[in-house]
Amino acid sequence: MRVRTKEEEAVFTGDMMHRPIQVTETVWNSRFCNEQNLARKTRRAFVERHADADVTILAAHFPVPGRIIAPGGKARFRPLAA
């Protein structure tokens, strides 16, 4: 689900990712990923689409909202608050 205002944009990930490390390691599934290959493909596409975008990521299982950044092409999750 995507939410937009005039100033900001945010996206809810649902169960796509369970840990922030999955932003970097998109091939890592949790035991809850029933469709293993589809989960990897979906996660990779999501990370590529939102890397370095001005979009807040609201991941259901992450402790805080953040952004996906990709310095040098390596994506990672950067929390907005600690």
PDB file of N, CA and C in Angstrom:
ATOM      1  N   MET A   1       0.840  -1.173   0.000  1.00  0.00           N
ATOM      2  CA  MET A   1       0.000   0.000   0.000  1.00  0.00           C
ATOM      3  C   MET A   1       0.890   1.244   0.000  1.00  0.00           C
ATOM      4  N   ARG A   2       0.533   2.200  -0.828  1.00  0.00           N
ATOM      5  CA  ARG A   2       1.306   3.432  -0.962  1.00  0.00           C
ATOM      6  C   ARG A   2       0.462   4.600  -0.477  1.00  0.00           C
ATOM      7  N   VAL A   3       1.109   5.513   0.258  1.00  0.00           N
ATOM      8  CA  VAL A   3       0.450   6.716   0.758  1.00  0.00           C
ATOM      9  C   VAL A   3       1.254   7.917   0.269  1.00  0.00           C
ATOM     10  N   ARG A   4       0.547   8.896  -0.305  1.00  0.00           N
ATOM     11  CA  ARG A   4       1.226  10.094  -0.817  1.00  0.00           C
ATOM     12  C   ARG A   4       0.558  11.345  -0.280  1.00  0.00           C
ATOM     13  N   THR A   5       1.391  12.317   0.049  1.00  0.00           N
ATOM     14  CA  THR A   5       0.921  13.664   0.322  1.00  0.00           C
ATOM     15  C   THR A   5       1.662  14.572  -0.649  1.00  0.00           C
ATOM     16  N   LYS A   6       1.424  15.869  -0.562  1.00  0.00           N
ATOM     17  CA  LYS A   6       2.154  16.801  -1.432  1.00  0.00           C
ATOM     18  C   LYS A   6       3.649  16.808  -1.108  1.00  0.00           C
ATOM     19  N   GLU A   7       3.986  16.517   0.140  1.00  0.00           N
ATOM     20  CA  GLU A   7       5.377  16.602   0.581  1.00  0.00           C
ATOM     21  C   GLU A   7       6.104  15.260   0.656  1.00  0.00           C
ATOM     22  N   GLU A   8       5.368  14.169   0.894  1.00  0.00           N
ATOM     23  CA  GLU A   8       6.038  12.903   1.168  1.00  0.00           C
ATOM     24  C   GLU A   8       5.310  11.723   0.562  1.00  0.00           C
ATOM     25  N   GLU A   9       6.046  10.606   0.538  1.00  0.00           N
ATOM     26  CA  GLU A   9       5.479   9.348   0.073  1.00  0.00           C
ATOM     27  C   GLU A   9       5.981   8.234   0.989  1.00  0.00           C
ATOM     28  N   ALA A  10       5.113   7.273   1.259  1.00  0.00           N
ATOM     29  CA  ALA A  10       5.478   6.124   2.078  1.00  0.00           C
ATOM     30  C   ALA A  10       4.843   4.880   1.483  1.00  0.00           C
ATOM     31  N   VAL A  11       5.470   3.746   1.749  1.00  0.00           N
ATOM     32  CA  VAL A  11       4.932   2.483   1.268  1.00  0.00           C
ATOM     33  C   VAL A  11       4.990   1.459   2.404  1.00  0.00           C
ATOM     34  N   PHE A  12       3.897   0.719   2.556  1.00  0.00           N
ATOM     35  CA  PHE A  12       3.811  -0.362   3.543  1.00  0.00           C
ATOM     36  C   PHE A  12       4.225  -1.655   2.860  1.00  0.00           C
ATOM     37  N   THR A  13       5.095  -2.422   3.496  1.00  0.00           N
ATOM     38  CA  THR A  13       5.604  -3.637   2.856  1.00  0.00           C
ATOM     39  C   THR A  13       4.832  -4.892   3.210  1.00  0.00           C
ATOM     40  N   GLY A  14       4.034  -4.863   4.245  1.00  0.00           N
ATOM     41  CA  GLY A  14       3.360  -6.090   4.667  1.00  0.00           C
ATOM     42  C   GLY A  14       4.384  -7.126   5.100  1.00  0.00           C
ATOM     43  N   ASP A  15       4.213  -8.358   4.662  1.00  0.00           N
ATOM     44  CA  ASP A  15       5.108  -9.451   5.069  1.00  0.00           C
ATOM     45  C   ASP A  15       6.232  -9.722   4.072  1.00  0.00           C
ATOM     46  N   MET A  16       6.503  -8.801   3.173  1.00  0.00           N
ATOM     47  CA  MET A  16       7.543  -9.005   2.173  1.00  0.00           C
ATOM     48  C   MET A  16       8.931  -9.197   2.788  1.00  0.00           C
ATOM     49  N   MET A  17       9.190  -8.475   3.879  1.00  0.00           N
ATOM     50  CA  MET A  17      10.487  -8.563   4.559  1.00  0.00           C
ATOM     51  C   MET A  17      10.232  -8.685   6.054  1.00  0.00           C
ATOM     52  N   HIS A  18      11.023  -9.547   6.686  1.00  0.00           N
ATOM     53  CA  HIS A  18      10.864  -9.746   8.132  1.00  0.00           C
ATOM     54  C   HIS A  18      12.011  -9.150   8.938  1.00  0.00           C
ATOM     55  N   ARG A  19      13.131  -8.906   8.298  1.00  0.00           N
ATOM     56  CA  ARG A  19      14.295  -8.324   8.962  1.00  0.00           C
ATOM     57  C   ARG A  19      14.968  -7.327   8.021  1.00  0.00           C
ATOM     58  N   PRO A  20      15.550  -6.253   8.561  1.00  0.00           N
ATOM     59  CA  PRO A  20      16.221  -5.265   7.710  1.00  0.00           C
ATOM     60  C   PRO A  20      17.332  -5.851   6.834  1.00  0.00           C
ATOM     61  N   ILE A  21      17.980  -6.923   7.265  1.00  0.00           N
ATOM     62  CA  ILE A  21      19.053  -7.532   6.467  1.00  0.00           C
ATOM     63  C   ILE A  21      18.533  -8.009   5.113  1.00  0.00           C
ATOM     64  N   GLN A  22      17.233  -8.259   5.001  1.00  0.00           N
ATOM     65  CA  GLN A  22      16.678  -8.725   3.735  1.00  0.00           C
ATOM     66  C   GLN A  22      16.675  -7.635   2.663  1.00  0.00           C
ATOM     67  N   VAL A  23      16.889  -6.386   3.044  1.00  0.00           N
ATOM     68  CA  VAL A  23      17.058  -5.326   2.051  1.00  0.00           C
ATOM     69  C   VAL A  23      18.383  -5.524   1.332  1.00  0.00           C
ATOM     70  N   THR A  24      19.407  -5.898   2.062  1.00  0.00           N
ATOM     71  CA  THR A  24      20.726  -6.165   1.482  1.00  0.00           C
ATOM     72  C   THR A  24      20.777  -7.549   0.854  1.00  0.00           C
ATOM     73  N   GLU A  25      20.251  -8.510   1.569  1.00  0.00           N
ATOM     74  CA  GLU A  25      20.279  -9.910   1.133  1.00  0.00           C
ATOM     75  C   GLU A  25      18.880 -10.317   0.681  1.00  0.00           C
ATOM     76  N   THR A  26      18.482  -9.860  -0.495  1.00  0.00           N
ATOM     77  CA  THR A  26      17.117 -10.093  -0.968  1.00  0.00           C
ATOM     78  C   THR A  26      16.810 -11.566  -1.216  1.00  0.00           C
ATOM     79  N   VAL A  27      17.823 -12.403  -1.316  1.00  0.00           N
ATOM     80  CA  VAL A  27      17.590 -13.840  -1.541  1.00  0.00           C
ATOM     81  C   VAL A  27      17.315 -14.593  -0.241  1.00  0.00           C
ATOM     82  N   TRP A  28      17.494 -13.941   0.893  1.00  0.00           N
ATOM     83  CA  TRP A  28      17.245 -14.591   2.180  1.00  0.00           C
ATOM     84  C   TRP A  28      15.747 -14.574   2.479  1.00  0.00           C
ATOM     85  N   ASN A  29      15.176 -15.736   2.591  1.00  0.00           N
ATOM     86  CA  ASN A  29      13.770 -15.870   2.942  1.00  0.00           C
ATOM     87  C   ASN A  29      13.635 -16.196   4.419  1.00  0.00           C
ATOM     88  N   SER A  30      12.465 -15.944   4.949  1.00  0.00           N
ATOM     89  CA  SER A  30      12.141 -16.401   6.299  1.00  0.00           C
ATOM     90  C   SER A  30      11.399 -17.725   6.165  1.00  0.00           C
ATOM     91  N   ARG A  31      11.154 -18.362   7.251  1.00  0.00           N
ATOM     92  CA  ARG A  31      10.425 -19.631   7.202  1.00  0.00           C
ATOM     93  C   ARG A  31       8.955 -19.414   6.826  1.00  0.00           C
ATOM     94  N   PHE A  32       8.535 -18.166   6.801  1.00  0.00           N
ATOM     95  CA  PHE A  32       7.159 -17.842   6.468  1.00  0.00           C
ATOM     96  C   PHE A  32       6.943 -17.599   4.972  1.00  0.00           C
ATOM     97  N   CYS A  33       8.006 -17.647   4.184  1.00  0.00           N
ATOM     98  CA  CYS A  33       7.896 -17.449   2.737  1.00  0.00           C
ATOM     99  C   CYS A  33       7.491 -18.772   2.087  1.00  0.00           C
ATOM    100  N   ASN A  34       6.232 -18.921   1.807  1.00  0.00           N
ATOM    101  CA  ASN A  34       5.731 -20.169   1.231  1.00  0.00           C
ATOM    102  C   ASN A  34       6.157 -20.351  -0.221  1.00  0.00           C
ATOM    103  N   GLU A  35       6.182 -19.273  -0.968  1.00  0.00           N
ATOM    104  CA  GLU A  35       6.625 -19.297  -2.364  1.00  0.00           C
ATOM    105  C   GLU A  35       8.038 -18.732  -2.419  1.00  0.00           C
ATOM    106  N   GLN A  36       9.032 -19.558  -2.152  1.00  0.00           N
ATOM    107  CA  GLN A  36      10.420 -19.125  -1.976  1.00  0.00           C
ATOM    108  C   GLN A  36      10.956 -18.287  -3.147  1.00  0.00           C
ATOM    109  N   ASN A  37      10.830 -18.779  -4.362  1.00  0.00           N
ATOM    110  CA  ASN A  37      11.369 -18.048  -5.515  1.00  0.00           C
ATOM    111  C   ASN A  37      10.615 -16.755  -5.778  1.00  0.00           C
ATOM    112  N   LEU A  38       9.307 -16.790  -5.656  1.00  0.00           N
ATOM    113  CA  LEU A  38       8.509 -15.585  -5.850  1.00  0.00           C
ATOM    114  C   LEU A  38       8.827 -14.538  -4.778  1.00  0.00           C
ATOM    115  N   ALA A  39       9.044 -14.975  -3.552  1.00  0.00           N
ATOM    116  CA  ALA A  39       9.405 -14.050  -2.470  1.00  0.00           C
ATOM    117  C   ALA A  39      10.714 -13.335  -2.786  1.00  0.00           C
ATOM    118  N   ARG A  40      11.705 -14.062  -3.258  1.00  0.00           N
ATOM    119  CA  ARG A  40      13.000 -13.460  -3.604  1.00  0.00           C
ATOM    120  C   ARG A  40      12.844 -12.443  -4.739  1.00  0.00           C
ATOM    121  N   LYS A  41      12.121 -12.848  -5.765  1.00  0.00           N
ATOM    122  CA  LYS A  41      11.927 -11.977  -6.933  1.00  0.00           C
ATOM    123  C   LYS A  41      11.176 -10.703  -6.548  1.00  0.00           C
ATOM    124  N   THR A  42      10.145 -10.836  -5.754  1.00  0.00           N
ATOM    125  CA  THR A  42       9.344  -9.689  -5.319  1.00  0.00           C
ATOM    126  C   THR A  42      10.170  -8.743  -4.458  1.00  0.00           C
ATOM    127  N   ARG A  43      10.927  -9.302  -3.525  1.00  0.00           N
ATOM    128  CA  ARG A  43      11.760  -8.487  -2.639  1.00  0.00           C
ATOM    129  C   ARG A  43      12.825  -7.737  -3.431  1.00  0.00           C
ATOM    130  N   ARG A  44      13.487  -8.434  -4.348  1.00  0.00           N
ATOM    131  CA  ARG A  44      14.543  -7.796  -5.156  1.00  0.00           C
ATOM    132  C   ARG A  44      13.965  -6.635  -5.977  1.00  0.00           C
ATOM    133  N   ALA A  45      12.821  -6.857  -6.613  1.00  0.00           N
ATOM    134  CA  ALA A  45      12.193  -5.804  -7.417  1.00  0.00           C
ATOM    135  C   ALA A  45      11.803  -4.614  -6.549  1.00  0.00           C
ATOM    136  N   PHE A  46      11.274  -4.877  -5.366  1.00  0.00           N
ATOM    137  CA  PHE A  46      10.882  -3.798  -4.456  1.00  0.00           C
ATOM    138  C   PHE A  46      12.099  -2.979  -4.043  1.00  0.00           C
ATOM    139  N   VAL A  47      13.173  -3.647  -3.667  1.00  0.00           N
ATOM    140  CA  VAL A  47      14.392  -2.951  -3.237  1.00  0.00           C
ATOM    141  C   VAL A  47      14.960  -2.122  -4.392  1.00  0.00           C
ATOM    142  N   GLU A  48      15.028  -2.694  -5.574  1.00  0.00           N
ATOM    143  CA  GLU A  48      15.550  -1.953  -6.727  1.00  0.00           C
ATOM    144  C   GLU A  48      14.691  -0.733  -7.034  1.00  0.00           C
ATOM    145  N   ARG A  49      13.386  -0.880  -6.935  1.00  0.00           N
ATOM    146  CA  ARG A  49      12.477   0.237  -7.235  1.00  0.00           C
ATOM    147  C   ARG A  49      12.607   1.372  -6.226  1.00  0.00           C
ATOM    148  N   HIS A  50      12.850   1.036  -4.957  1.00  0.00           N
ATOM    149  CA  HIS A  50      12.831   2.054  -3.905  1.00  0.00           C
ATOM    150  C   HIS A  50      14.220   2.498  -3.425  1.00  0.00           C
ATOM    151  N   ALA A  51      15.272   1.904  -3.958  1.00  0.00           N
ATOM    152  CA  ALA A  51      16.625   2.300  -3.566  1.00  0.00           C
ATOM    153  C   ALA A  51      16.887   3.740  -3.984  1.00  0.00           C
ATOM    154  N   ASP A  52      17.344   4.517  -3.031  1.00  0.00           N
ATOM    155  CA  ASP A  52      17.684   5.929  -3.237  1.00  0.00           C
ATOM    156  C   ASP A  52      16.496   6.779  -3.684  1.00  0.00           C
ATOM    157  N   ALA A  53      15.300   6.272  -3.490  1.00  0.00           N
ATOM    158  CA  ALA A  53      14.096   7.055  -3.783  1.00  0.00           C
ATOM    159  C   ALA A  53      13.702   7.809  -2.515  1.00  0.00           C
ATOM    160  N   ASP A  54      13.002   8.870  -2.691  1.00  0.00           N
ATOM    161  CA  ASP A  54      12.560   9.676  -1.550  1.00  0.00           C
ATOM    162  C   ASP A  54      11.235   9.107  -1.019  1.00  0.00           C
ATOM    163  N   VAL A  55      11.304   7.849  -0.555  1.00  0.00           N
ATOM    164  CA  VAL A  55      10.123   7.123  -0.096  1.00  0.00           C
ATOM    165  C   VAL A  55      10.419   6.509   1.274  1.00  0.00           C
ATOM    166  N   THR A  56       9.538   6.734   2.211  1.00  0.00           N
ATOM    167  CA  THR A  56       9.663   6.120   3.529  1.00  0.00           C
ATOM    168  C   THR A  56       9.124   4.697   3.457  1.00  0.00           C
ATOM    169  N   ILE A  57       9.909   3.771   3.979  1.00  0.00           N
ATOM    170  CA  ILE A  57       9.522   2.358   3.998  1.00  0.00           C
ATOM    171  C   ILE A  57       8.940   2.048   5.374  1.00  0.00           C
ATOM    172  N   LEU A  58       7.701   1.590   5.374  1.00  0.00           N
ATOM    173  CA  LEU A  58       7.017   1.199   6.611  1.00  0.00           C
ATOM    174  C   LEU A  58       6.874  -0.317   6.583  1.00  0.00           C
ATOM    175  N   ALA A  59       7.916  -0.994   7.034  1.00  0.00           N
ATOM    176  CA  ALA A  59       7.936  -2.457   7.014  1.00  0.00           C
ATOM    177  C   ALA A  59       7.272  -2.984   8.288  1.00  0.00           C
ATOM    178  N   ALA A  60       6.317  -3.833   8.123  1.00  0.00           N
ATOM    179  CA  ALA A  60       5.513  -4.328   9.248  1.00  0.00           C
ATOM    180  C   ALA A  60       6.359  -4.952  10.352  1.00  0.00           C
ATOM    181  N   HIS A  61       7.463  -5.583   9.990  1.00  0.00           N
ATOM    182  CA  HIS A  61       8.256  -6.309  10.977  1.00  0.00           C
ATOM    183  C   HIS A  61       9.553  -5.605  11.384  1.00  0.00           C
ATOM    184  N   PHE A  62       9.791  -4.405  10.858  1.00  0.00           N
ATOM    185  CA  PHE A  62      10.983  -3.652  11.225  1.00  0.00           C
ATOM    186  C   PHE A  62      10.651  -2.783  12.435  1.00  0.00           C
ATOM    187  N   PRO A  63      11.630  -2.511  13.292  1.00  0.00           N
ATOM    188  CA  PRO A  63      11.333  -1.729  14.499  1.00  0.00           C
ATOM    189  C   PRO A  63      10.985  -0.266  14.244  1.00  0.00           C
ATOM    190  N   VAL A  64      11.485   0.315  13.153  1.00  0.00           N
ATOM    191  CA  VAL A  64      11.236   1.726  12.849  1.00  0.00           C
ATOM    192  C   VAL A  64      11.111   1.915  11.336  1.00  0.00           C
ATOM    193  N   PRO A  65      10.478   3.003  10.899  1.00  0.00           N
ATOM    194  CA  PRO A  65      10.452   3.323   9.465  1.00  0.00           C
ATOM    195  C   PRO A  65      11.848   3.700   8.991  1.00  0.00           C
ATOM    196  N   GLY A  66      12.057   3.665   7.682  1.00  0.00           N
ATOM    197  CA  GLY A  66      13.358   4.051   7.148  1.00  0.00           C
ATOM    198  C   GLY A  66      13.321   4.235   5.653  1.00  0.00           C
ATOM    199  N   ARG A  67      14.503   4.273   5.079  1.00  0.00           N
ATOM    200  CA  ARG A  67      14.679   4.430   3.638  1.00  0.00           C
ATOM    201  C   ARG A  67      15.608   3.328   3.150  1.00  0.00           C
ATOM    202  N   ILE A  68      15.477   2.995   1.897  1.00  0.00           N
ATOM    203  CA  ILE A  68      16.422   2.080   1.266  1.00  0.00           C
ATOM    204  C   ILE A  68      17.439   2.934   0.540  1.00  0.00           C
ATOM    205  N   ILE A  69      18.685   2.778   0.915  1.00  0.00           N
ATOM    206  CA  ILE A  69      19.760   3.516   0.257  1.00  0.00           C
ATOM    207  C   ILE A  69      20.682   2.496  -0.410  1.00  0.00           C
ATOM    208  N   ALA A  70      21.376   2.934  -1.439  1.00  0.00           N
ATOM    209  CA  ALA A  70      22.244   2.015  -2.173  1.00  0.00           C
ATOM    210  C   ALA A  70      23.553   2.683  -2.564  1.00  0.00           C
ATOM    211  N   PRO A  71      24.359   3.054  -1.560  1.00  0.00           N
ATOM    212  CA  PRO A  71      25.656   3.647  -1.912  1.00  0.00           C
ATOM    213  C   PRO A  71      26.537   2.605  -2.599  1.00  0.00           C
ATOM    214  N   GLY A  72      27.093   2.959  -3.731  1.00  0.00           N
ATOM    215  CA  GLY A  72      27.937   2.026  -4.465  1.00  0.00           C
ATOM    216  C   GLY A  72      27.169   0.830  -5.019  1.00  0.00           C
ATOM    217  N   GLY A  73      25.844   0.941  -5.108  1.00  0.00           N
ATOM    218  CA  GLY A  73      25.046  -0.128  -5.666  1.00  0.00           C
ATOM    219  C   GLY A  73      24.645  -1.216  -4.681  1.00  0.00           C
ATOM    220  N   LYS A  74      25.077  -1.099  -3.429  1.00  0.00           N
ATOM    221  CA  LYS A  74      24.741  -2.107  -2.414  1.00  0.00           C
ATOM    222  C   LYS A  74      23.626  -1.567  -1.523  1.00  0.00           C
ATOM    223  N   ALA A  75      22.431  -2.107  -1.667  1.00  0.00           N
ATOM    224  CA  ALA A  75      21.273  -1.601  -0.932  1.00  0.00           C
ATOM    225  C   ALA A  75      21.344  -1.978   0.546  1.00  0.00           C
ATOM    226  N   ARG A  76      20.817  -1.075   1.364  1.00  0.00           N
ATOM    227  CA  ARG A  76      20.669  -1.355   2.801  1.00  0.00           C
ATOM    228  C   ARG A  76      19.537  -0.491   3.332  1.00  0.00           C
ATOM    229  N   PHE A  77      19.054  -0.857   4.505  1.00  0.00           N
ATOM    230  CA  PHE A  77      17.978  -0.121   5.153  1.00  0.00           C
ATOM    231  C   PHE A  77      18.574   0.891   6.122  1.00  0.00           C
ATOM    232  N   ARG A  78      18.157   2.150   5.978  1.00  0.00           N
ATOM    233  CA  ARG A  78      18.621   3.201   6.886  1.00  0.00           C
ATOM    234  C   ARG A  78      17.420   3.663   7.712  1.00  0.00           C
ATOM    235  N   PRO A  79      17.425   3.356   9.011  1.00  0.00           N
ATOM    236  CA  PRO A  79      16.309   3.778   9.884  1.00  0.00           C
ATOM    237  C   PRO A  79      16.211   5.295   9.935  1.00  0.00           C
ATOM    238  N   LEU A  80      14.973   5.786  10.032  1.00  0.00           N
ATOM    239  CA  LEU A  80      14.757   7.225  10.188  1.00  0.00           C
ATOM    240  C   LEU A  80      14.869   7.650  11.642  1.00  0.00           C
ATOM    241  N   ALA A  81      14.688   6.711  12.546  1.00  0.00           N
ATOM    242  CA  ALA A  81      14.805   6.982  13.992  1.00  0.00           C
ATOM    243  C   ALA A  81      15.345   5.731  14.664  1.00  0.00           C
ATOM    244  N   ALA A  82      15.914   5.926  15.811  1.00  0.00           N
ATOM    245  CA  ALA A  82      16.457   4.764  16.527  1.00  0.00           C
ATOM    246  C   ALA A  82      15.708   4.551  17.825  1.00  0.00           C
TER     247      ALA A  82
END
